[in-house]
Amino acid sequence: MPNTLEKKFKSTLKPSIHPYLNGAWTPNSEEHTATDMEVIGEIPTDIDGVYVRNTENPIHEAKGNYHPFDGDGMLHSVSFKDGKAEYRNRFVRTKGFQAEQEAGQSLWKGIANSVKADSRRGWGAQGFVKDSSSTDVVIHAGQIMSTFWQCGDGYRLDPYTLEQHGTESWAPVDGISAHPKIDENTGEMLFFNYSIYPPYQHYGVVDKHNNLVHYTPVPLPGPRLPHDMAFTKNYSILADLPMFWDPELIPDNVFQPHYHPELPTRFAIIPRYGNEQDIQWFEAKPTYVLHWMNAFEEGDEIILDGYFQDQPNPPPLAGLPAGPGKMMANIDLMSLQTKLHRWRFNLKTGDVHEEHLDEQVLEFGSFNQKYAGIKNRYYYSVWNKPGWFLFSGIKKYDCETGETSSLEFGEDRFGSEAPFVPRIDAKDEDDGYLVSFITDMKEDRSECVLIDAKDIEAGPVCRIILPHRISSGTHACWGNGTDIRAAQTQNK
């Protein structure tokens, strides 16, 4: 089959010096299918599945100030089987995307503006920004689900063809936040949402057949900005973080996050099918955490790993006006000083102990998802180019020994979140690969790379040259082919 340009969308974007509308973040307006790509090295025959990455990719000129998290959702995928690979990219056909296609322009202001609520349903559960479904992506019940950080409908697509299947029928009125979690050992999906209305947060469970089977409030003291959650075999973990919108400004349609270092970070630990009265709350050092890693149970304790911000409220980047400088600092890992961190919660005594596991600035990690909710040994994190939301390399961390190894992507080469890909019939936890998209600004192209997880310093075992240079992006996932096919058969 030839490589095919499936569709080119008319873009109203103007040439811009905005740092997240040019360079490695230049948006794409084309959709491709490619089955005959140049390969440097050899595609392994011992993997079977799909790598999918979500991307903030605006198609129209912004109304007001553009924030990189405002862009339309675009999924990029590479499927692997029998030593062959196929690539596709598609915009997520959200309700907002379709409405703006018909209008030929942007209809909603982004988060960096004063905005008014348009509708509580379908345009972002918060009601004031477009649900672009551009933040996160998971594979559950044999289908892709893309999500939005401000809570939205959740959009389903086929993992192999990226055929669009619309919104989740079970999505609650307050929507689905980015970063639902998949328990590969049960097939369940755990999720949360949040809003500006009491009780401000909910938590739910969706079974392996994509049925909502549990939903309960996890009340917060007021509107908050949680971004992620974690789980163990028997518990789910949600956080009340001291970075949230100024409640006095919300009535004026101004959603300005403020950091409150006088408040602790609070953790809600709830049994997987527990209710509000079953929650056990813990307090820890104030911080903000974008992303958690794994969590597991050990005796009377629950251990949680994630990325602690040493500087949740960094000063604006030097040399820029206050507004743009603050925005740039708030998405710069070096400014935030994000460190791999461990919390230990004692369910009997209520005690909390915490410490950094590594002092390097890291974030956007991955690990073998077969170990999600149980004790694991290895993490794979990225670090960023200082001053930018661009990933420059990967670091492997051994939780047992503290040993590390690293791979730098190279000059002007920027990667994506790199999920772990288990080998077929894998023998141990790190028996597999890391997969990522790399945008190479020197070569003016993009690649999909596979890296041996046991020896990341050796560099990619293969590099698959994509049919076009793709915009930089963040969150990604891997779906095992056997699991996808089995779920699709069960859920016909």
Protein backbone atom coordinates (compact mmCIF):
# COMPACT_ATOMS: atom_id res chain seq x y z
CA MET A 1 0.00 0.00 0.00
CA PRO A 2 1.32 3.49 -0.80
CA ASN A 3 1.77 6.27 1.72
CA THR A 4 -1.33 8.46 1.50
CA LEU A 5 -2.22 12.03 2.33
CA GLU A 6 -5.73 11.41 3.62
CA LYS A 7 -6.87 14.99 4.19
CA LYS A 8 -5.50 18.51 4.38
CA PHE A 9 -7.46 20.96 6.53
CA LYS A 10 -7.63 24.66 5.82
CA SER A 11 -5.79 26.43 8.60
CA THR A 12 -6.37 30.05 9.59
CA LEU A 13 -3.15 30.22 11.64
CA LYS A 14 -0.93 33.18 10.81
CA PRO A 15 2.88 33.19 10.92
CA SER A 16 3.77 33.66 14.57
CA ILE A 17 6.73 34.15 16.87
CA HIS A 18 4.75 32.40 19.62
CA PRO A 19 7.14 29.73 20.98
CA TYR A 20 4.43 27.07 20.85
CA LEU A 21 3.27 27.81 17.31
CA ASN A 22 6.60 27.43 15.49
CA GLY A 23 9.78 25.37 15.51
CA ALA A 24 9.28 21.91 16.97
CA TRP A 25 5.77 22.99 18.02
CA THR A 26 4.64 23.98 14.51
CA PRO A 27 1.09 22.58 14.18
CA ASN A 28 0.13 20.07 11.49
CA SER A 29 -2.87 20.50 9.19
CA GLU A 30 -2.57 17.20 7.29
CA GLU A 31 -3.67 13.64 8.07
CA HIS A 32 -1.52 10.80 6.73
CA THR A 33 -1.52 7.02 6.45
CA ALA A 34 1.87 5.40 5.82
CA THR A 35 2.67 1.71 5.43
CA ASP A 36 5.92 1.95 3.47
CA MET A 37 8.40 4.02 5.46
CA GLU A 38 12.19 4.22 5.52
CA VAL A 39 13.63 2.26 8.45
CA ILE A 40 17.10 2.83 9.87
CA GLY A 41 17.97 -0.43 11.61
CA GLU A 42 15.45 -3.24 11.82
CA ILE A 43 11.96 -3.28 13.34
CA PRO A 44 11.88 -6.00 16.03
CA THR A 45 9.62 -8.97 15.38
CA ASP A 46 9.04 -9.57 19.10
CA ILE A 47 6.53 -6.75 19.70
CA ASP A 48 2.84 -6.58 18.83
CA GLY A 49 0.68 -3.55 19.52
CA VAL A 50 0.08 0.16 19.03
CA TYR A 51 1.88 3.31 20.18
CA VAL A 52 -0.43 6.36 20.36
CA ARG A 53 0.46 9.94 21.26
CA ASN A 54 -1.88 12.88 21.79
CA THR A 55 -0.89 16.36 20.63
CA GLU A 56 -2.13 19.92 21.22
CA ASN A 57 -2.43 21.02 17.60
CA PRO A 58 -4.45 24.19 16.83
CA ILE A 59 -6.01 24.54 13.38
CA HIS A 60 -7.41 28.07 13.73
CA GLU A 61 -6.03 31.41 14.87
CA ALA A 62 -6.65 31.81 18.59
CA LYS A 63 -9.19 34.18 20.08
CA GLY A 64 -7.06 36.16 22.51
CA ASN A 65 -3.91 34.72 24.06
CA TYR A 66 -2.89 31.22 22.96
CA HIS A 67 -1.75 28.71 25.55
CA PRO A 68 -0.17 25.47 24.25
CA PHE A 69 -2.73 23.43 26.17
CA ASP A 70 -5.55 24.98 24.07
CA GLY A 71 -4.70 23.19 20.83
CA ASP A 72 -7.01 20.73 19.08
CA GLY A 73 -6.41 17.07 19.81
CA MET A 74 -4.42 15.19 17.17
CA LEU A 75 -3.47 11.55 17.61
CA HIS A 76 -0.34 10.07 16.04
CA SER A 77 -0.04 6.27 16.06
CA VAL A 78 2.34 3.55 14.94
CA SER A 79 1.18 -0.07 15.00
CA PHE A 80 3.68 -2.94 15.06
CA LYS A 81 3.31 -6.60 14.12
CA ASP A 82 5.63 -9.21 12.57
CA GLY A 83 8.43 -6.70 12.12
CA LYS A 84 6.28 -4.23 10.17
CA ALA A 85 4.92 -0.81 11.11
CA GLU A 86 2.09 1.47 10.01
CA TYR A 87 1.66 5.17 10.83
CA ARG A 88 -1.47 7.31 11.03
CA ASN A 89 -2.39 10.71 12.38
CA ARG A 90 -5.91 12.12 12.78
CA PHE A 91 -7.54 15.11 14.44
CA VAL A 92 -9.94 14.07 17.20
CA ARG A 93 -13.34 15.08 15.84
CA THR A 94 -14.59 16.70 19.02
CA LYS A 95 -17.83 18.66 19.07
CA GLY A 96 -15.78 21.85 19.39
CA PHE A 97 -13.50 20.89 16.48
CA GLN A 98 -16.50 20.18 14.25
CA ALA A 99 -18.20 23.44 15.21
CA GLU A 100 -15.08 25.45 14.43
CA GLN A 101 -14.63 23.63 11.11
CA GLU A 102 -18.12 24.72 10.12
CA ALA A 103 -17.46 28.29 11.29
CA GLY A 104 -14.00 28.46 9.73
CA GLN A 105 -12.57 30.08 12.85
CA SER A 106 -12.00 29.67 16.58
CA LEU A 107 -15.16 30.01 18.66
CA TRP A 108 -13.74 29.72 22.19
CA LYS A 109 -11.06 31.62 24.05
CA GLY A 110 -8.36 29.58 25.73
CA ILE A 111 -7.35 29.22 29.36
CA ALA A 112 -4.99 32.24 29.27
CA ASN A 113 -7.97 34.60 28.84
CA SER A 114 -10.97 35.79 30.83
CA VAL A 115 -13.67 33.40 29.66
CA LYS A 116 -17.37 32.86 30.17
CA ALA A 117 -19.19 29.57 30.51
CA ASP A 118 -20.86 28.46 27.26
CA SER A 119 -22.34 25.10 28.19
CA ARG A 120 -21.79 22.58 30.98
CA ARG A 121 -21.97 19.67 28.53
CA GLY A 122 -19.88 18.81 25.54
CA TRP A 123 -17.67 21.89 25.36
CA GLY A 124 -15.55 21.07 28.38
CA ALA A 125 -17.09 20.05 31.68
CA GLN A 126 -15.77 23.20 33.33
CA GLY A 127 -18.03 25.05 30.92
CA PHE A 128 -15.67 27.83 29.88
CA VAL A 129 -13.13 26.37 27.45
CA LYS A 130 -13.40 24.08 24.47
CA ASP A 131 -13.07 20.37 25.19
CA SER A 132 -10.30 19.73 22.66
CA SER A 133 -9.54 16.20 23.95
CA SER A 134 -5.88 17.05 23.41
CA THR A 135 -4.20 16.11 26.69
CA ASP A 136 -4.04 12.39 27.41
CA VAL A 137 -4.72 9.08 25.68
CA VAL A 138 -5.30 5.53 26.96
CA ILE A 139 -6.43 2.26 25.41
CA HIS A 140 -9.31 0.57 27.25
CA ALA A 141 -11.81 -2.14 26.29
CA GLY A 142 -10.13 -2.43 22.89
CA GLN A 143 -10.50 1.25 22.00
CA ILE A 144 -8.54 4.48 22.32
CA MET A 145 -9.96 7.10 24.68
CA SER A 146 -8.59 10.64 24.42
CA THR A 147 -9.21 13.12 27.24
CA PHE A 148 -8.87 16.78 28.19
CA TRP A 149 -7.15 18.23 31.26
CA GLN A 150 -10.10 20.51 32.08
CA CYS A 151 -12.49 17.50 31.98
CA GLY A 152 -14.54 16.61 28.93
CA ASP A 153 -16.54 13.90 27.23
CA GLY A 154 -13.82 11.37 26.42
CA TYR A 155 -13.58 10.43 22.73
CA ARG A 156 -13.26 6.86 21.41
CA LEU A 157 -11.26 5.81 18.35
CA ASP A 158 -10.09 2.53 16.85
CA PRO A 159 -6.46 1.86 17.90
CA TYR A 160 -5.39 0.64 14.46
CA THR A 161 -7.35 2.77 11.99
CA LEU A 162 -8.07 5.85 14.19
CA GLU A 163 -11.67 5.61 13.00
CA GLN A 164 -13.77 7.92 15.19
CA HIS A 165 -16.48 6.44 17.43
CA GLY A 166 -17.73 9.58 19.19
CA THR A 167 -18.04 10.32 22.88
CA GLU A 168 -18.30 8.03 25.88
CA SER A 169 -21.97 7.23 26.59
CA TRP A 170 -21.28 6.87 30.31
CA ALA A 171 -19.42 10.19 30.81
CA PRO A 172 -20.80 11.98 33.91
CA VAL A 173 -22.07 15.55 33.74
CA ASP A 174 -18.75 16.76 35.23
CA GLY A 175 -16.86 14.90 32.52
CA ILE A 176 -13.69 12.82 32.58
CA SER A 177 -10.35 14.36 33.51
CA ALA A 178 -7.14 13.57 31.72
CA HIS A 179 -5.14 10.69 33.21
CA PRO A 180 -7.64 7.93 33.84
CA LYS A 181 -5.73 4.80 34.83
CA ILE A 182 -5.90 1.35 33.25
CA ASP A 183 -5.43 -1.72 35.44
CA GLU A 184 -4.19 -4.25 32.89
CA ASN A 185 -4.62 -7.05 35.42
CA THR A 186 -8.40 -6.50 35.73
CA GLY A 187 -9.21 -4.57 32.56
CA GLU A 188 -10.78 -1.78 34.66
CA MET A 189 -10.37 1.94 34.06
CA LEU A 190 -10.24 4.24 37.09
CA PHE A 191 -10.99 7.93 36.54
CA PHE A 192 -11.79 11.20 38.30
CA ASN A 193 -13.17 14.62 37.44
CA TYR A 194 -13.35 18.03 39.06
CA SER A 195 -15.42 21.20 38.68
CA ILE A 196 -16.15 24.64 40.14
CA TYR A 197 -19.29 23.32 41.85
CA PRO A 198 -19.63 21.29 45.09
CA PRO A 199 -18.54 18.60 45.85
CA TYR A 200 -15.81 19.67 43.37
CA GLN A 201 -14.50 16.16 42.60
CA HIS A 202 -15.74 12.64 41.83
CA TYR A 203 -14.07 9.27 41.30
CA GLY A 204 -15.31 6.31 39.28
CA VAL A 205 -14.60 2.81 37.95
CA VAL A 206 -15.38 1.53 34.44
CA ASP A 207 -15.25 -2.23 33.92
CA LYS A 208 -13.44 -4.13 31.16
CA HIS A 209 -16.58 -3.99 28.99
CA ASN A 210 -16.68 -0.15 29.22
CA ASN A 211 -19.58 0.02 31.66
CA LEU A 212 -19.59 2.60 34.46
CA VAL A 213 -19.88 0.44 37.58
CA HIS A 214 -18.93 2.82 40.41
CA TYR A 215 -19.10 6.61 40.92
CA THR A 216 -18.75 8.56 44.15
CA PRO A 217 -17.93 12.06 45.42
CA VAL A 218 -14.46 12.71 46.82
CA PRO A 219 -15.30 16.16 48.26
CA LEU A 220 -12.80 19.00 48.29
CA PRO A 221 -12.86 22.28 50.27
CA GLY A 222 -13.39 24.28 47.08
CA PRO A 223 -12.51 24.36 43.36
CA ARG A 224 -9.17 22.65 42.79
CA LEU A 225 -6.86 21.71 39.91
CA PRO A 226 -5.95 18.01 40.30
CA HIS A 227 -4.28 16.65 37.19
CA ASP A 228 -3.62 12.96 37.82
CA MET A 229 -4.41 10.00 40.07
CA ALA A 230 -2.83 6.68 41.04
CA PHE A 231 -3.94 3.26 42.22
CA THR A 232 -2.84 0.10 43.99
CA LYS A 233 -4.37 -3.35 43.85
CA ASN A 234 -7.06 -2.38 46.38
CA TYR A 235 -7.04 1.43 46.60
CA SER A 236 -7.22 4.58 44.51
CA ILE A 237 -5.33 7.76 45.39
CA LEU A 238 -6.44 11.31 44.64
CA ALA A 239 -4.86 14.57 45.75
CA ASP A 240 -5.95 17.99 47.02
CA LEU A 241 -3.04 20.18 45.94
CA PRO A 242 -2.38 23.75 47.20
CA MET A 243 -2.30 25.20 43.66
CA PHE A 244 -5.78 26.24 42.55
CA TRP A 245 -7.85 29.01 41.01
CA ASP A 246 -8.39 32.13 43.08
CA PRO A 247 -11.99 31.57 44.25
CA GLU A 248 -12.61 35.32 44.47
CA LEU A 249 -11.93 35.75 40.74
CA ILE A 250 -14.08 32.86 39.47
CA PRO A 251 -17.35 34.90 39.59
CA ASP A 252 -15.66 37.39 37.22
CA ASN A 253 -14.81 34.55 34.78
CA VAL A 254 -11.11 34.84 35.60
CA PHE A 255 -9.42 31.50 36.25
CA GLN A 256 -6.03 32.39 37.64
CA PRO A 257 -4.19 29.64 39.54
CA HIS A 258 -2.44 30.67 42.75
CA TYR A 259 -0.04 28.64 44.90
CA HIS A 260 -0.80 28.46 48.63
CA PRO A 261 2.37 27.22 50.38
CA GLU A 262 0.69 27.61 53.77
CA LEU A 263 -1.60 24.67 52.90
CA PRO A 264 -0.50 21.02 52.94
CA THR A 265 -0.81 18.60 50.09
CA ARG A 266 -3.72 16.31 51.02
CA PHE A 267 -4.16 12.75 49.78
CA ALA A 268 -7.45 10.86 49.64
CA ILE A 269 -6.95 7.08 49.78
CA ILE A 270 -10.17 5.27 48.96
CA PRO A 271 -10.89 1.57 48.44
CA ARG A 272 -11.37 0.88 44.74
CA TYR A 273 -15.12 0.47 45.24
CA GLY A 274 -15.27 2.69 48.31
CA ASN A 275 -17.50 5.68 48.97
CA GLU A 276 -17.04 9.07 50.59
CA GLN A 277 -17.21 7.68 54.13
CA ASP A 278 -14.40 5.20 53.36
CA ILE A 279 -11.80 7.84 52.46
CA GLN A 280 -8.70 8.12 54.63
CA TRP A 281 -7.01 11.53 54.32
CA PHE A 282 -3.28 12.21 54.74
CA GLU A 283 -1.30 15.47 54.82
CA ALA A 284 2.17 16.02 53.37
CA LYS A 285 4.52 18.82 52.32
CA PRO A 286 2.97 21.50 50.10
CA THR A 287 3.75 21.11 46.41
CA TYR A 288 2.09 20.63 43.07
CA VAL A 289 2.30 17.34 41.18
CA LEU A 290 1.39 17.05 37.53
CA HIS A 291 1.98 13.33 37.20
CA TRP A 292 2.17 10.32 39.48
CA MET A 293 4.01 7.15 38.63
CA ASN A 294 3.17 3.83 40.30
CA ALA A 295 1.68 3.02 43.72
CA PHE A 296 1.58 -0.24 45.63
CA GLU A 297 0.80 -1.77 49.01
CA GLU A 298 3.50 -2.96 51.43
CA GLY A 299 2.37 -4.17 54.84
CA ASP A 300 0.39 -1.38 56.51
CA GLU A 301 1.72 1.18 54.06
CA ILE A 302 0.82 2.50 50.65
CA ILE A 303 3.81 3.72 48.64
CA LEU A 304 3.22 6.37 45.98
CA ASP A 305 5.77 7.74 43.52
CA GLY A 306 5.44 10.92 41.47
CA TYR A 307 7.13 14.16 40.47
CA PHE A 308 7.37 16.66 43.34
CA GLN A 309 7.77 20.31 42.31
CA ASP A 310 10.40 22.08 44.40
CA GLN A 311 9.27 25.40 42.85
CA PRO A 312 5.52 25.21 42.11
CA ASN A 313 5.35 28.99 41.65
CA PRO A 314 8.47 29.86 39.62
CA PRO A 315 9.35 33.43 38.61
CA PRO A 316 8.85 34.42 34.94
CA LEU A 317 11.61 33.34 32.60
CA ALA A 318 14.22 36.06 32.23
CA GLY A 319 14.15 38.24 29.14
CA LEU A 320 10.41 37.91 28.53
CA PRO A 321 7.43 40.12 29.46
CA ALA A 322 5.77 39.08 32.72
CA GLY A 323 2.77 37.32 31.15
CA PRO A 324 4.55 35.20 28.52
CA GLY A 325 7.48 34.70 30.89
CA LYS A 326 5.19 33.28 33.56
CA MET A 327 3.45 30.97 31.09
CA MET A 328 6.79 29.69 29.84
CA ALA A 329 8.05 29.12 33.39
CA ASN A 330 4.91 27.23 34.39
CA ILE A 331 5.51 24.60 31.69
CA ASP A 332 9.30 24.47 32.05
CA LEU A 333 10.44 21.53 34.16
CA MET A 334 13.70 23.28 35.05
CA SER A 335 11.75 26.25 36.44
CA LEU A 336 9.37 23.97 38.35
CA GLN A 337 12.25 21.77 39.58
CA THR A 338 10.31 18.52 39.25
CA LYS A 339 11.96 15.59 41.07
CA LEU A 340 11.09 11.89 41.29
CA HIS A 341 9.65 11.57 44.81
CA ARG A 342 8.22 8.89 47.10
CA TRP A 343 5.43 9.19 49.68
CA ARG A 344 4.71 6.44 52.24
CA PHE A 345 1.26 6.46 53.92
CA ASN A 346 0.68 4.26 56.98
CA LEU A 347 -2.97 3.21 56.96
CA LYS A 348 -2.88 2.25 60.66
CA THR A 349 -1.01 5.19 62.21
CA GLY A 350 -1.77 7.93 59.68
CA ASP A 351 1.94 8.78 59.44
CA VAL A 352 3.44 10.11 56.20
CA HIS A 353 7.10 9.87 55.20
CA GLU A 354 8.44 11.33 51.97
CA GLU A 355 11.74 11.85 50.13
CA HIS A 356 13.24 12.58 46.73
CA LEU A 357 14.39 9.44 44.94
CA ASP A 358 16.50 11.34 42.41
CA GLU A 359 17.78 14.92 42.33
CA GLN A 360 17.75 15.38 38.55
CA VAL A 361 14.87 17.41 37.09
CA LEU A 362 12.61 14.77 35.52
CA GLU A 363 8.95 14.29 34.59
CA PHE A 364 6.55 12.55 32.16
CA GLY A 365 7.56 9.05 33.21
CA SER A 366 6.56 5.55 32.22
CA PHE A 367 6.94 2.02 33.54
CA ASN A 368 5.85 -1.51 32.64
CA GLN A 369 2.05 -1.31 32.93
CA LYS A 370 1.77 -4.98 33.89
CA TYR A 371 3.17 -3.76 37.24
CA ALA A 372 0.68 -0.91 37.67
CA GLY A 373 -0.72 -1.12 41.20
CA ILE A 374 1.90 -3.61 42.39
CA LYS A 375 5.56 -3.21 43.35
CA ASN A 376 7.79 -2.41 40.38
CA ARG A 377 11.49 -1.80 39.97
CA TYR A 378 12.09 0.50 36.97
CA TYR A 379 10.98 3.98 35.92
CA TYR A 380 11.74 5.81 32.66
CA SER A 381 11.51 9.62 32.86
CA VAL A 382 12.29 12.45 30.47
CA TRP A 383 14.08 15.74 31.02
CA ASN A 384 13.46 18.92 29.07
CA LYS A 385 15.38 21.59 27.23
CA PRO A 386 15.72 24.45 29.76
CA GLY A 387 13.09 27.11 29.19
CA TRP A 388 11.00 24.92 26.89
CA PHE A 389 8.33 22.25 26.97
CA LEU A 390 10.54 20.02 24.83
CA PHE A 391 11.95 16.65 25.89
CA SER A 392 15.70 16.15 25.43
CA GLY A 393 16.34 12.63 26.75
CA ILE A 394 15.32 9.61 28.84
CA LYS A 395 16.60 8.43 32.22
CA LYS A 396 16.08 4.93 33.63
CA TYR A 397 15.86 4.65 37.42
CA ASP A 398 16.24 1.40 39.40
CA CYS A 399 14.07 1.62 42.56
CA GLU A 400 15.95 -1.25 44.22
CA THR A 401 19.53 -0.03 43.76
CA GLY A 402 19.15 3.67 42.91
CA GLU A 403 21.27 3.09 39.81
CA THR A 404 20.49 5.14 36.71
CA SER A 405 21.29 5.23 33.00
CA SER A 406 20.46 7.89 30.43
CA LEU A 407 20.01 8.53 26.73
CA GLU A 408 20.14 12.01 25.21
CA PHE A 409 18.13 12.31 21.99
CA GLY A 410 20.72 14.57 20.35
CA GLU A 411 21.11 18.20 19.35
CA ASP A 412 17.80 19.74 18.23
CA ARG A 413 16.05 16.35 18.57
CA PHE A 414 13.03 16.36 20.85
CA GLY A 415 11.07 13.34 22.03
CA SER A 416 7.69 12.44 23.46
CA GLU A 417 6.55 10.53 26.51
CA ALA A 418 8.03 7.05 26.02
CA PRO A 419 5.82 4.14 27.14
CA PHE A 420 7.27 0.73 27.93
CA VAL A 421 6.63 -1.96 25.29
CA PRO A 422 6.90 -5.55 26.60
CA ARG A 423 8.46 -8.14 24.36
CA ILE A 424 6.25 -11.04 23.36
CA ASP A 425 6.78 -13.68 26.09
CA ALA A 426 8.81 -11.21 28.19
CA LYS A 427 10.86 -12.85 30.95
CA ASP A 428 11.16 -9.96 33.43
CA GLU A 429 10.05 -6.39 34.14
CA ASP A 430 12.38 -4.51 31.79
CA ASP A 431 12.34 -7.11 29.00
CA GLY A 432 11.11 -4.85 26.23
CA TYR A 433 11.48 -1.49 24.56
CA LEU A 434 10.72 2.20 25.02
CA VAL A 435 8.91 3.80 22.10
CA SER A 436 8.82 7.50 21.28
CA PHE A 437 8.34 10.03 18.51
CA ILE A 438 11.36 12.24 17.84
CA THR A 439 11.13 15.57 16.01
CA ASP A 440 14.49 16.35 14.44
CA MET A 441 14.79 20.06 13.63
CA LYS A 442 18.16 19.70 11.88
CA GLU A 443 16.89 17.03 9.49
CA ASP A 444 13.43 18.65 9.29
CA ARG A 445 11.69 15.32 9.91
CA SER A 446 10.16 13.09 12.56
CA GLU A 447 10.87 9.50 13.52
CA CYS A 448 9.38 6.75 15.63
CA VAL A 449 12.18 5.14 17.64
CA LEU A 450 12.43 1.90 19.62
CA ILE A 451 15.00 1.70 22.43
CA ASP A 452 16.03 -1.47 24.29
CA ALA A 453 14.79 -0.88 27.87
CA LYS A 454 17.61 -3.00 29.29
CA ASP A 455 20.27 -0.85 27.60
CA ILE A 456 18.91 2.61 26.84
CA GLU A 457 22.43 4.07 26.54
CA ALA A 458 22.89 2.05 23.34
CA GLY A 459 20.36 4.28 21.60
CA PRO A 460 17.55 3.29 19.23
CA VAL A 461 17.48 -0.22 17.81
CA CYS A 462 15.47 1.20 14.91
CA ARG A 463 14.28 4.56 13.58
CA ILE A 464 11.17 4.70 11.41
CA ILE A 465 11.03 7.87 9.30
CA LEU A 466 7.52 9.34 9.32
CA PRO A 467 5.97 10.84 6.16
CA HIS A 468 5.97 14.36 7.63
CA ARG A 469 7.49 16.36 10.47
CA ILE A 470 5.03 16.28 13.35
CA SER A 471 4.46 18.83 16.06
CA SER A 472 6.00 18.10 19.43
CA GLY A 473 3.62 16.49 21.91
CA THR A 474 3.47 14.92 25.31
CA HIS A 475 1.26 12.12 26.59
CA ALA A 476 1.31 8.72 24.97
CA CYS A 477 0.41 5.10 25.66
CA TRP A 478 1.09 1.59 24.44
CA GLY A 479 -1.59 -1.03 23.83
CA ASN A 480 -0.68 -4.70 23.57
CA GLY A 481 -2.06 -6.20 20.38
CA THR A 482 -3.29 -9.42 21.99
CA ASP A 483 -5.14 -7.43 24.66
CA ILE A 484 -6.73 -5.10 22.10
CA ARG A 485 -7.93 -7.92 19.87
CA ALA A 486 -9.30 -9.93 22.80
CA ALA A 487 -11.19 -6.92 24.16
CA GLN A 488 -12.62 -6.05 20.74
CA THR A 489 -13.88 -9.63 20.39
CA GLN A 490 -15.45 -9.59 23.89
CA ASN A 491 -17.08 -6.19 23.41
CA LYS A 492 -18.61 -6.66 19.95
